[in-house]
Structures are given as C-alpha cells and as structure tokens.
C-alpha cells in the first residue's frame, strides 16, 4: 500500500533551479491515487490533483436529502441516474465529484461505473463548507458550464441560500422559496425549508 506522505513526495519534480514543479496526472493515474490519510478525496483540475475535505454532518444531511428526493423523482418514468459524490470527467484532465448530479436517461448509455463517468450531467449540486473559497467555487462552476451542465445549484448552509446557475441570470433562493426547474426537472419541487431542516 502506498502511504500518503510517500505519494506526495513522489509527485514532486524539480526544475533546474531547484524549485518544485507541478506534476500533471492522466485520468488513469488520478484514479489510482491513494486515499488521503485525513479522509476526504481528490478531484482533478487540468491534470493537477486537488484535495477535497470530508463532509461535515450538516453537509451530509443536506446532500442526503437532495440525493434521496431527486432519486425518488428520477425513478418515476425512468428519468435517469442520480449520483452522489461520484467522479465525473468534464474535460481532458478535469474530473469533479459534485455532491449530487443528475444525468438524464438518454445520456447514461455505456457508462463504466468503475471509473470516472464520461458524461455531462443536466444538474450538479455543490454544498458549501467552511473550507470552500470564492475563487475555488468560481473555477469549478465555470468548468461545469464549459462542459455543458445546464443547471447548477450551489447550496450555502451558513446563509440558508441556494445560488442557481442556468441559462438565465444568476438567482439566489432563500427561506420561503422553492427549488424547481420545469425544463431540467419537470414536476420536481422542493421547498428550501426541507433542504435546510436542522440536524436532529
């Protein structure tokens, strides 16, 4: 078994002047990375592995609710696949693991469940943590949009808000509002009060 510290040292390459250079990974190399000792996992940003911290209980509860309700909706009329925390290859050298993703039925043919999914979701959901930076999230959102993801929900548990990125101007939903999208998620409706229900 490869230890995390040994792996990090193996990634380092040095330029002639002695400075550390970045090591870019292929998708195959990325999928073989050892599990971080501190928990969490990795995403791949233009060939560079990026550490992702483990979810808090609050994040997990929100992710679980959204995943469960979207999965139940998707099962009606066989609408497609809903996945949680699953690697998705958005572009060469770019692999993200959105907290929740919805892939319509017509896009799920020939997916390999043992590897990063080569597919463009119709919806991705990111639930923010205290460790996420504005710069990091802006980059991630742009990568989703560049790949063709039509609907992005960024859930902020601290503010009790959800930012909606779509073909329309950015919208922010707050308590009393309802998550829905007739085009991407027909007949799906979820009050924000249920999304942010306190952990019990």
Protein backbone atom coordinates (compact mmCIF):
# COMPACT_ATOMS: atom_id res chain seq x y z
CA UNK A 1 0.00 0.00 0.00
CA UNK A 2 1.32 3.45 -0.91
CA UNK A 3 1.41 5.81 2.05
CA UNK A 4 0.13 9.36 1.61
CA UNK A 5 3.43 11.01 2.51
CA UNK A 6 5.40 8.79 0.14
CA UNK A 7 2.92 9.59 -2.62
CA UNK A 8 3.20 13.36 -2.12
CA UNK A 9 6.99 13.16 -2.27
CA UNK A 10 6.80 11.05 -5.44
CA UNK A 11 4.69 13.73 -7.11
CA UNK A 12 7.33 16.38 -6.67
CA UNK A 13 9.54 17.21 -9.61
CA UNK A 14 12.26 19.83 -9.58
CA UNK A 15 13.26 22.33 -12.23
CA UNK A 16 16.97 23.01 -12.94
CA UNK A 17 16.90 25.94 -10.49
CA UNK A 18 15.70 23.66 -7.68
CA UNK A 19 12.11 24.92 -7.49
CA UNK A 20 9.24 22.46 -7.22
CA UNK A 21 7.26 21.91 -10.43
CA UNK A 22 3.70 20.67 -10.66
CA UNK A 23 3.17 17.08 -11.78
CA UNK A 24 0.17 16.62 -14.06
CA UNK A 25 -1.68 13.31 -13.97
CA UNK A 26 -3.62 11.38 -16.57
CA UNK A 27 -7.13 10.22 -15.67
CA UNK A 28 -5.80 6.68 -15.16
CA UNK A 29 -3.06 7.88 -12.81
CA UNK A 30 -5.55 10.05 -10.95
CA UNK A 31 -7.92 7.14 -10.31
CA UNK A 32 -5.05 5.21 -8.69
CA UNK A 33 -4.22 7.88 -6.09
CA UNK A 34 -4.13 6.55 -2.52
CA UNK A 35 -6.92 7.55 -0.17
CA UNK A 36 -5.90 10.61 1.89
CA UNK A 37 -4.97 9.69 5.46
CA UNK A 38 -7.08 12.55 6.82
CA UNK A 39 -10.20 11.47 4.93
CA UNK A 40 -11.86 13.22 2.01
CA UNK A 41 -10.61 12.64 -1.50
CA UNK A 42 -9.33 14.26 -4.68
CA UNK A 43 -10.58 15.99 -7.79
CA UNK A 44 -8.50 16.68 -10.89
CA UNK A 45 -8.09 20.24 -12.16
CA UNK A 46 -6.32 20.40 -15.54
CA UNK A 47 -4.20 17.40 -14.59
CA UNK A 48 -3.41 18.57 -11.06
CA UNK A 49 -4.90 16.65 -8.10
CA UNK A 50 -6.87 18.88 -5.71
CA UNK A 51 -7.67 17.74 -2.18
CA UNK A 52 -11.35 17.79 -1.16
CA UNK A 53 -12.12 17.78 2.57
CA UNK A 54 -14.64 15.30 4.04
CA UNK A 55 -18.21 16.47 4.53
CA UNK A 56 -19.48 17.72 7.87
CA UNK A 57 -22.65 16.23 9.36
CA UNK A 58 -24.57 19.31 8.24
CA UNK A 59 -23.34 18.94 4.66
CA UNK A 60 -24.06 15.22 4.67
CA UNK A 61 -27.65 15.73 5.83
CA UNK A 62 -28.32 18.25 3.06
CA UNK A 63 -26.63 16.09 0.42
CA UNK A 64 -28.57 13.02 1.58
CA UNK A 65 -31.91 14.86 1.43
CA UNK A 66 -31.27 16.21 -2.06
CA UNK A 67 -29.94 12.87 -3.30
CA UNK A 68 -32.89 10.94 -1.85
CA UNK A 69 -35.58 13.28 -3.17
CA UNK A 70 -34.00 13.61 -6.61
CA UNK A 71 -33.53 9.82 -6.80
CA UNK A 72 -37.18 9.25 -5.94
CA UNK A 73 -38.19 11.78 -8.61
CA UNK A 74 -35.87 10.19 -11.19
CA UNK A 75 -37.35 6.74 -10.62
CA UNK A 76 -40.72 7.98 -11.80
CA UNK A 77 -40.96 7.46 -15.55
CA UNK A 78 -37.35 6.19 -15.56
CA UNK A 79 -35.93 9.71 -15.88
CA UNK A 80 -32.26 8.80 -15.45
CA UNK A 81 -29.44 8.49 -12.93
CA UNK A 82 -28.84 10.45 -9.72
CA UNK A 83 -25.36 10.06 -8.21
CA UNK A 84 -23.71 11.42 -5.07
CA UNK A 85 -20.01 12.26 -4.69
CA UNK A 86 -19.14 10.48 -7.94
CA UNK A 87 -16.19 11.31 -10.20
CA UNK A 88 -17.30 12.88 -13.48
CA UNK A 89 -14.84 13.61 -16.29
CA UNK A 90 -15.87 17.04 -17.56
CA UNK A 91 -12.98 17.51 -19.99
CA UNK A 92 -9.48 16.07 -20.61
CA UNK A 93 -7.64 16.44 -17.30
CA UNK A 94 -10.71 17.71 -15.43
CA UNK A 95 -12.55 15.40 -13.01
CA UNK A 96 -15.01 16.75 -10.45
CA UNK A 97 -17.13 14.97 -7.85
CA UNK A 98 -20.26 17.07 -7.33
CA UNK A 99 -22.15 16.37 -4.14
CA UNK A 100 -25.16 15.38 -6.24
CA UNK A 101 -25.55 15.01 -10.01
CA UNK A 102 -28.50 14.16 -12.24
CA UNK A 103 -27.87 12.54 -15.62
CA UNK A 104 -30.90 12.14 -17.94
CA UNK A 105 -31.70 8.67 -19.21
CA UNK A 106 -30.65 9.44 -22.79
CA UNK A 107 -27.10 10.26 -21.62
CA UNK A 108 -26.32 7.20 -19.49
CA UNK A 109 -25.62 4.61 -22.20
CA UNK A 110 -22.25 2.82 -21.96
CA UNK A 111 -21.16 4.42 -18.68
CA UNK A 112 -18.47 2.49 -16.79
CA UNK A 113 -19.41 2.56 -13.07
CA UNK A 114 -15.87 1.51 -12.04
CA UNK A 115 -14.26 4.67 -13.40
CA UNK A 116 -14.87 8.40 -13.68
CA UNK A 117 -18.09 8.83 -15.63
CA UNK A 118 -17.61 10.34 -19.07
CA UNK A 119 -20.91 12.18 -19.20
CA UNK A 120 -22.35 15.68 -18.89
CA UNK A 121 -24.96 15.93 -16.11
CA UNK A 122 -28.04 18.07 -16.58
CA UNK A 123 -27.80 19.15 -12.93
CA UNK A 124 -24.96 19.33 -10.41
CA UNK A 125 -25.25 20.32 -6.77
CA UNK A 126 -22.41 21.65 -4.61
CA UNK A 127 -22.96 22.06 -0.86
CA UNK A 128 -20.51 24.59 0.54
CA UNK A 129 -18.29 24.05 3.55
CA UNK A 130 -16.20 26.46 5.60
CA UNK A 131 -13.17 25.36 3.56
CA UNK A 132 -14.50 26.41 0.14
CA UNK A 133 -13.15 29.67 -1.26
CA UNK A 134 -14.92 32.01 -3.68
CA UNK A 135 -12.11 31.55 -6.20
CA UNK A 136 -12.30 27.76 -5.98
CA UNK A 137 -16.07 27.70 -6.46
CA UNK A 138 -15.96 30.20 -9.33
CA UNK A 139 -13.48 27.98 -11.16
CA UNK A 140 -15.50 24.84 -10.51
CA UNK A 141 -18.75 26.48 -11.67
CA UNK A 142 -17.06 27.68 -14.85
CA UNK A 143 -15.78 24.16 -15.56
CA UNK A 144 -19.29 22.78 -15.15
CA UNK A 145 -20.68 25.41 -17.50
CA UNK A 146 -17.90 24.90 -20.06
CA UNK A 147 -18.72 21.16 -20.07
CA UNK A 148 -22.36 21.92 -20.86
CA UNK A 149 -24.04 21.42 -17.47
CA UNK A 150 -27.32 23.30 -17.80
CA UNK A 151 -28.28 23.70 -14.14
CA UNK A 152 -26.04 24.23 -11.11
CA UNK A 153 -27.21 24.57 -7.51
CA UNK A 154 -24.69 25.97 -5.00
CA UNK A 155 -26.10 25.40 -1.53
CA UNK A 156 -24.85 27.59 1.33
CA UNK A 157 -25.86 26.06 4.69
CA UNK A 158 -24.50 29.00 6.68
CA UNK A 159 -26.65 31.57 4.86
CA UNK A 160 -29.57 29.25 4.18
CA UNK A 161 -29.41 30.16 0.50
CA UNK A 162 -29.07 28.43 -2.87
CA UNK A 163 -27.48 30.13 -5.87
CA UNK A 164 -28.98 28.96 -9.17
CA UNK A 165 -26.77 28.99 -12.27
CA UNK A 166 -28.54 28.29 -15.56
CA UNK A 167 -29.16 29.88 -18.94
CA UNK A 168 -30.99 32.62 -17.03
CA UNK A 169 -29.31 35.33 -14.92
CA UNK A 170 -27.98 34.17 -11.55
CA UNK A 171 -30.73 33.76 -8.96
CA UNK A 172 -30.46 33.33 -5.20
CA UNK A 173 -33.20 31.43 -3.36
CA UNK A 174 -33.87 31.96 0.34
CA UNK A 175 -36.16 30.58 3.03
CA UNK A 176 -39.72 30.52 1.70
CA UNK A 177 -38.57 29.84 -1.87
CA UNK A 178 -38.80 26.54 -3.75
CA UNK A 179 -36.21 24.64 -5.77
CA UNK A 180 -37.59 23.71 -9.18
CA UNK A 181 -36.80 23.82 -12.90
CA UNK A 182 -39.51 22.88 -15.37
CA UNK A 183 -37.00 22.31 -18.18
CA UNK A 184 -34.39 20.14 -16.44
CA UNK A 185 -36.51 18.71 -13.61
CA UNK A 186 -40.14 18.59 -14.75
CA UNK A 187 -42.61 18.05 -11.90
CA UNK A 188 -39.87 18.34 -9.25
CA UNK A 189 -40.43 20.85 -6.47
CA UNK A 190 -38.64 21.18 -3.14
CA UNK A 191 -39.19 23.90 -0.51
CA UNK A 192 -35.92 25.27 0.87
CA UNK A 193 -37.26 24.75 4.38
CA UNK A 194 -36.82 20.99 3.80
CA UNK A 195 -33.30 21.43 2.41
CA UNK A 196 -32.14 23.31 5.49
CA UNK A 197 -34.08 21.36 8.11
CA UNK A 198 -31.92 21.33 11.28
CA UNK A 199 -29.86 18.25 12.09
CA UNK A 200 -31.60 16.19 14.78
